[in-house]
């Protein structure tokens, strides 16, 4: 019996050893698409003048470097026809504006001209309720022995509001995003909460609440569901193509990826005690 058992073990070991051979897989390579990261975020209590828009392209699945896009013309226009120009920083694909004027409920139009194509999108800047307090619960989670953090705010009663929450953990590389609407708590106190099961004393959390439009809420709901809540960012190569609100007016079939959003935000930091 021992000899039979030994034979089976050796056979299984040899089988899995033979499976370690490297297999090259040929993947179809689609033409690169422009990726526009145009999130205008206005931190409460600041002027909000400096804003950044990033341009890049999609690339091969196994590539480690994301190609940036230089030489584009990027500007945002408000309803009064004021134009705010975003100038590139040393061929980095980062376009910066230093005189932006954020106004709640104002309509803005983004224009990006790159490689003979013109891309546009229109959105409204949304307000966010301030974070009033942060609480730590040491008996959270399903098992009741996990550390849970909640950030509270008072939802306005006079409007339908939509929120994006972002949690950055000092003990994790990735950030957590998720969205919420005030359908079931309109006009009441509510909260966002952490979802890190491994929080320990001394860990730090950066919590950001974004006021977002209904359209952006719908878009981010899809993004979070297909990429998982623990995404490095909302534009981190999801496993499916999701169209944003930016249109290629030159060639509609050649649409870009990304989204043009405008949010008032509130950010707080908290240390686990």
Protein backbone atom coordinates (compact mmCIF):
# COMPACT_ATOMS: atom_id res chain seq x y z
CA UNK A 1 0.00 0.00 0.00
CA UNK A 2 2.86 2.37 0.78
CA UNK A 3 4.42 1.72 -2.65
CA UNK A 4 1.12 2.52 -4.40
CA UNK A 5 0.72 5.73 -2.42
CA UNK A 6 4.29 6.78 -3.20
CA UNK A 7 3.73 6.11 -6.90
CA UNK A 8 0.60 8.27 -6.93
CA UNK A 9 2.43 11.13 -5.21
CA UNK A 10 5.33 10.95 -7.66
CA UNK A 11 2.93 10.82 -10.61
CA UNK A 12 1.03 13.89 -9.44
CA UNK A 13 4.29 15.78 -8.81
CA UNK A 14 5.55 14.93 -12.28
CA UNK A 15 2.22 15.97 -13.82
CA UNK A 16 2.23 19.44 -12.25
CA UNK A 17 5.94 19.90 -12.98
CA UNK A 18 5.20 19.29 -16.65
CA UNK A 19 2.52 22.00 -16.50
CA UNK A 20 5.11 24.69 -15.76
CA UNK A 21 6.08 25.02 -19.40
CA UNK A 22 5.65 28.60 -20.63
CA UNK A 23 2.94 28.98 -23.27
CA UNK A 24 2.92 32.02 -25.54
CA UNK A 25 -0.58 33.32 -26.22
CA UNK A 26 -1.27 35.44 -29.27
CA UNK A 27 -3.70 38.21 -28.36
CA UNK A 28 -5.52 40.38 -30.87
CA UNK A 29 -4.21 43.93 -30.70
CA UNK A 30 -6.85 46.59 -31.25
CA UNK A 31 -5.91 50.07 -32.48
CA UNK A 32 -5.06 52.31 -29.50
CA UNK A 33 -7.85 54.51 -28.18
CA UNK A 34 -7.47 57.91 -26.60
CA UNK A 35 -8.05 57.88 -22.83
CA UNK A 36 -9.20 61.20 -21.33
CA UNK A 37 -9.04 61.51 -17.52
CA UNK A 38 -10.88 64.77 -17.00
CA UNK A 39 -12.03 64.83 -13.38
CA UNK A 40 -12.36 68.42 -12.15
CA UNK A 41 -12.42 68.21 -8.35
CA UNK A 42 -12.95 71.22 -6.11
CA UNK A 43 -11.81 70.63 -2.53
CA UNK A 44 -14.05 72.40 -0.01
CA UNK A 45 -12.41 75.49 1.43
CA UNK A 46 -10.01 76.03 -1.48
CA UNK A 47 -10.15 78.22 -4.58
CA UNK A 48 -10.07 75.22 -6.90
CA UNK A 49 -8.09 77.13 -9.52
CA UNK A 50 -5.52 74.44 -10.31
CA UNK A 51 -6.92 71.46 -12.19
CA UNK A 52 -5.34 68.68 -14.25
CA UNK A 53 -6.49 66.62 -17.22
CA UNK A 54 -4.50 63.57 -18.35
CA UNK A 55 -4.31 62.16 -21.88
CA UNK A 56 -3.01 58.70 -22.72
CA UNK A 57 -3.83 55.78 -25.01
CA UNK A 58 -4.71 52.16 -24.49
CA UNK A 59 -1.92 49.66 -25.07
CA UNK A 60 -1.17 45.94 -25.17
CA UNK A 61 -2.28 43.78 -22.24
CA UNK A 62 1.27 42.81 -21.25
CA UNK A 63 2.77 46.29 -21.64
CA UNK A 64 4.01 47.96 -18.47
CA UNK A 65 4.18 51.54 -19.78
CA UNK A 66 1.04 53.57 -20.53
CA UNK A 67 1.65 55.81 -23.59
CA UNK A 68 0.96 59.49 -22.95
CA UNK A 69 -0.46 61.91 -25.52
CA UNK A 70 1.33 65.19 -26.16
CA UNK A 71 0.64 68.20 -28.35
CA UNK A 72 -3.11 68.31 -27.78
CA UNK A 73 -5.24 71.41 -27.36
CA UNK A 74 -7.32 71.14 -24.17
CA UNK A 75 -9.75 73.68 -22.75
CA UNK A 76 -12.99 73.92 -20.75
CA UNK A 77 -15.73 76.48 -21.41
CA UNK A 78 -18.46 77.59 -18.98
CA UNK A 79 -21.97 78.88 -19.75
CA UNK A 80 -20.65 82.46 -19.94
CA UNK A 81 -18.27 81.37 -22.71
CA UNK A 82 -15.20 81.80 -20.48
CA UNK A 83 -12.43 79.48 -21.64
CA UNK A 84 -9.97 77.82 -19.28
CA UNK A 85 -6.93 76.48 -21.09
CA UNK A 86 -5.01 73.42 -19.91
CA UNK A 87 -1.33 73.52 -20.90
CA UNK A 88 0.85 70.43 -21.11
CA UNK A 89 3.66 69.92 -18.63
CA UNK A 90 6.87 68.97 -20.51
CA UNK A 91 5.40 66.29 -22.78
CA UNK A 92 4.00 64.25 -19.90
CA UNK A 93 0.42 63.97 -21.11
CA UNK A 94 -0.58 66.07 -18.07
CA UNK A 95 -2.43 69.27 -18.97
CA UNK A 96 -2.75 71.85 -16.19
CA UNK A 97 -4.97 74.90 -15.72
CA UNK A 98 -4.11 77.44 -13.01
CA UNK A 99 -7.08 79.82 -13.29
CA UNK A 100 -10.14 77.58 -13.32
CA UNK A 101 -13.30 79.01 -11.73
CA UNK A 102 -15.48 76.32 -10.11
CA UNK A 103 -19.17 77.17 -9.62
CA UNK A 104 -21.75 74.78 -8.20
CA UNK A 105 -24.51 73.83 -10.70
CA UNK A 106 -22.61 75.55 -13.51
CA UNK A 107 -22.46 73.78 -16.89
CA UNK A 108 -19.04 73.22 -18.45
CA UNK A 109 -17.95 71.88 -21.82
CA UNK A 110 -14.66 70.07 -22.35
CA UNK A 111 -12.87 70.26 -25.70
CA UNK A 112 -9.84 68.15 -26.61
CA UNK A 113 -8.25 68.43 -30.07
CA UNK A 114 -5.69 65.71 -30.78
CA UNK A 115 -4.34 64.09 -33.96
CA UNK A 116 -6.96 65.70 -36.19
CA UNK A 117 -9.90 64.68 -33.98
CA UNK A 118 -12.07 66.87 -31.76
CA UNK A 119 -13.54 65.41 -28.57
CA UNK A 120 -16.22 67.15 -26.50
CA UNK A 121 -18.33 66.55 -23.40
CA UNK A 122 -20.68 68.64 -21.26
CA UNK A 123 -21.27 68.21 -17.52
CA UNK A 124 -22.53 70.06 -14.46
CA UNK A 125 -20.51 70.69 -11.30
CA UNK A 126 -22.20 69.09 -8.29
CA UNK A 127 -21.90 70.00 -4.61
CA UNK A 128 -21.14 67.60 -1.77
CA UNK A 129 -22.27 67.59 1.85
CA UNK A 130 -19.33 68.09 4.25
CA UNK A 131 -18.05 65.19 6.35
CA UNK A 132 -19.23 66.00 9.88
CA UNK A 133 -17.48 63.26 11.86
CA UNK A 134 -15.59 59.97 11.56
CA UNK A 135 -16.23 57.03 13.87
CA UNK A 136 -14.26 53.83 14.48
CA UNK A 137 -16.02 50.57 15.37
CA UNK A 138 -13.85 47.71 16.61
CA UNK A 139 -16.69 45.20 16.39
CA UNK A 140 -17.50 45.52 12.68
CA UNK A 141 -17.64 43.07 9.81
CA UNK A 142 -19.58 39.80 9.54
CA UNK A 143 -17.63 38.17 12.37
CA UNK A 144 -17.86 41.21 14.64
CA UNK A 145 -14.12 41.40 15.25
CA UNK A 146 -13.00 43.70 12.42
CA UNK A 147 -12.16 47.41 12.59
CA UNK A 148 -14.65 49.49 10.61
CA UNK A 149 -14.54 53.22 9.93
CA UNK A 150 -17.53 55.38 8.99
CA UNK A 151 -17.53 58.96 7.68
CA UNK A 152 -20.84 60.75 8.38
CA UNK A 153 -22.55 63.62 6.54
CA UNK A 154 -25.98 65.27 6.40
CA UNK A 155 -27.67 64.74 3.04
CA UNK A 156 -29.55 67.83 1.76
CA UNK A 157 -33.32 67.34 1.70
CA UNK A 158 -34.11 69.64 -1.22
CA UNK A 159 -32.47 67.67 -4.06
CA UNK A 160 -31.65 64.20 -5.33
CA UNK A 161 -27.97 63.68 -4.59
CA UNK A 162 -25.41 61.17 -5.86
CA UNK A 163 -22.08 60.38 -4.24
CA UNK A 164 -18.76 58.77 -5.07
CA UNK A 165 -16.66 57.59 -2.13
CA UNK A 166 -12.93 56.94 -2.25
CA UNK A 167 -10.92 55.24 0.52
CA UNK A 168 -7.12 55.23 0.41
CA UNK A 169 -5.43 52.91 2.93
CA UNK A 170 -1.85 53.21 4.15
CA UNK A 171 -1.63 49.39 4.31
CA UNK A 172 -2.80 48.80 0.72
CA UNK A 173 -1.52 49.77 -2.73
CA UNK A 174 -4.96 50.11 -4.31
CA UNK A 175 -7.80 52.48 -3.44
CA UNK A 176 -11.46 51.63 -2.92
CA UNK A 177 -14.24 53.36 -4.85
CA UNK A 178 -18.00 52.94 -4.58
CA UNK A 179 -21.09 55.02 -5.30
CA UNK A 180 -24.35 55.80 -3.55
CA UNK A 181 -27.59 57.71 -4.13
CA UNK A 182 -29.78 59.28 -1.46
CA UNK A 183 -32.97 57.50 -2.54
CA UNK A 184 -33.42 55.83 0.86
CA UNK A 185 -31.85 58.44 3.16
CA UNK A 186 -32.70 61.79 1.55
CA UNK A 187 -32.53 64.63 4.04
CA UNK A 188 -31.03 62.43 6.76
CA UNK A 189 -27.62 61.74 8.21
CA UNK A 190 -25.77 59.00 6.37
CA UNK A 191 -22.24 57.67 6.00
CA UNK A 192 -19.65 55.96 3.84
CA UNK A 193 -17.64 53.12 5.35
CA UNK A 194 -14.34 51.30 4.95
CA UNK A 195 -14.16 47.82 3.42
CA UNK A 196 -10.63 46.81 4.43
CA UNK A 197 -10.80 43.64 6.53
CA UNK A 198 -7.18 44.00 7.66
CA UNK A 199 -7.20 47.39 9.36
CA UNK A 200 -4.83 47.58 12.32
CA UNK A 201 -4.00 50.17 14.98
CA UNK A 202 -1.74 52.81 13.42
CA UNK A 203 -3.09 52.42 9.86
CA UNK A 204 -4.14 55.67 8.20
CA UNK A 205 -7.13 56.23 5.93
CA UNK A 206 -7.80 59.11 3.55
CA UNK A 207 -11.53 59.46 2.90
CA UNK A 208 -12.92 61.53 0.02
CA UNK A 209 -16.59 62.19 -0.75
CA UNK A 210 -17.48 63.47 -4.23
CA UNK A 211 -20.72 65.13 -5.28
CA UNK A 212 -21.52 63.70 -8.72
CA UNK A 213 -24.21 63.88 -11.40
CA UNK A 214 -26.72 61.09 -12.00
CA UNK A 215 -25.00 60.31 -15.31
CA UNK A 216 -21.60 59.95 -13.65
CA UNK A 217 -23.20 57.84 -10.93
CA UNK A 218 -24.51 55.43 -13.57
CA UNK A 219 -21.12 55.31 -15.30
CA UNK A 220 -19.17 54.68 -12.09
CA UNK A 221 -21.66 52.02 -10.98
CA UNK A 222 -20.75 50.04 -14.09
CA UNK A 223 -17.03 50.73 -13.71
CA UNK A 224 -16.94 49.56 -10.10
CA UNK A 225 -19.00 46.46 -10.84
CA UNK A 226 -16.77 45.22 -13.66
CA UNK A 227 -13.44 46.26 -12.17
CA UNK A 228 -14.21 45.44 -8.54
CA UNK A 229 -14.28 47.98 -5.74
CA UNK A 230 -10.54 47.60 -5.12
CA UNK A 231 -9.44 49.30 -8.29
CA UNK A 232 -6.27 51.36 -8.54
CA UNK A 233 -8.41 54.07 -10.13
CA UNK A 234 -11.59 54.38 -12.16
CA UNK A 235 -9.64 54.19 -15.45
CA UNK A 236 -7.43 51.17 -14.69
CA UNK A 237 -8.07 49.02 -17.80
CA UNK A 238 -11.40 47.35 -16.98
CA UNK A 239 -12.11 43.93 -18.55
CA UNK A 240 -14.84 45.44 -20.73
CA UNK A 241 -15.15 48.64 -22.75
CA UNK A 242 -17.29 51.28 -21.05
CA UNK A 243 -18.22 54.42 -22.98
CA UNK A 244 -18.11 57.66 -21.06
CA UNK A 245 -19.73 60.99 -21.89
CA UNK A 246 -16.95 62.21 -24.21
CA UNK A 247 -17.78 62.17 -27.93
CA UNK A 248 -15.47 62.26 -30.93
CA UNK A 249 -17.24 64.84 -33.10
CA UNK A 250 -14.85 64.19 -35.99
CA UNK A 251 -15.31 60.41 -36.11
CA UNK A 252 -18.06 59.12 -33.81
CA UNK A 253 -17.04 55.49 -34.31
CA UNK A 254 -13.59 56.27 -32.90
CA UNK A 255 -14.83 57.16 -29.43
CA UNK A 256 -12.42 57.78 -26.54
CA UNK A 257 -12.39 56.19 -23.09
CA UNK A 258 -12.75 58.16 -19.88
CA UNK A 259 -15.20 60.66 -18.46
CA UNK A 260 -15.54 64.42 -17.96
CA UNK A 261 -16.81 65.07 -14.43
CA UNK A 262 -16.97 68.06 -12.10
CA UNK A 263 -17.31 67.54 -8.36
CA UNK A 264 -17.06 69.44 -5.15
CA UNK A 265 -15.21 67.12 -2.77
CA UNK A 266 -14.48 66.83 0.93
CA UNK A 267 -11.41 64.93 2.14
CA UNK A 268 -10.55 63.87 5.68
CA UNK A 269 -7.74 61.76 7.13
CA UNK A 270 -8.18 59.32 9.99
CA UNK A 271 -5.74 57.18 12.00
CA UNK A 272 -6.86 53.89 13.50
CA UNK A 273 -6.61 54.12 17.30
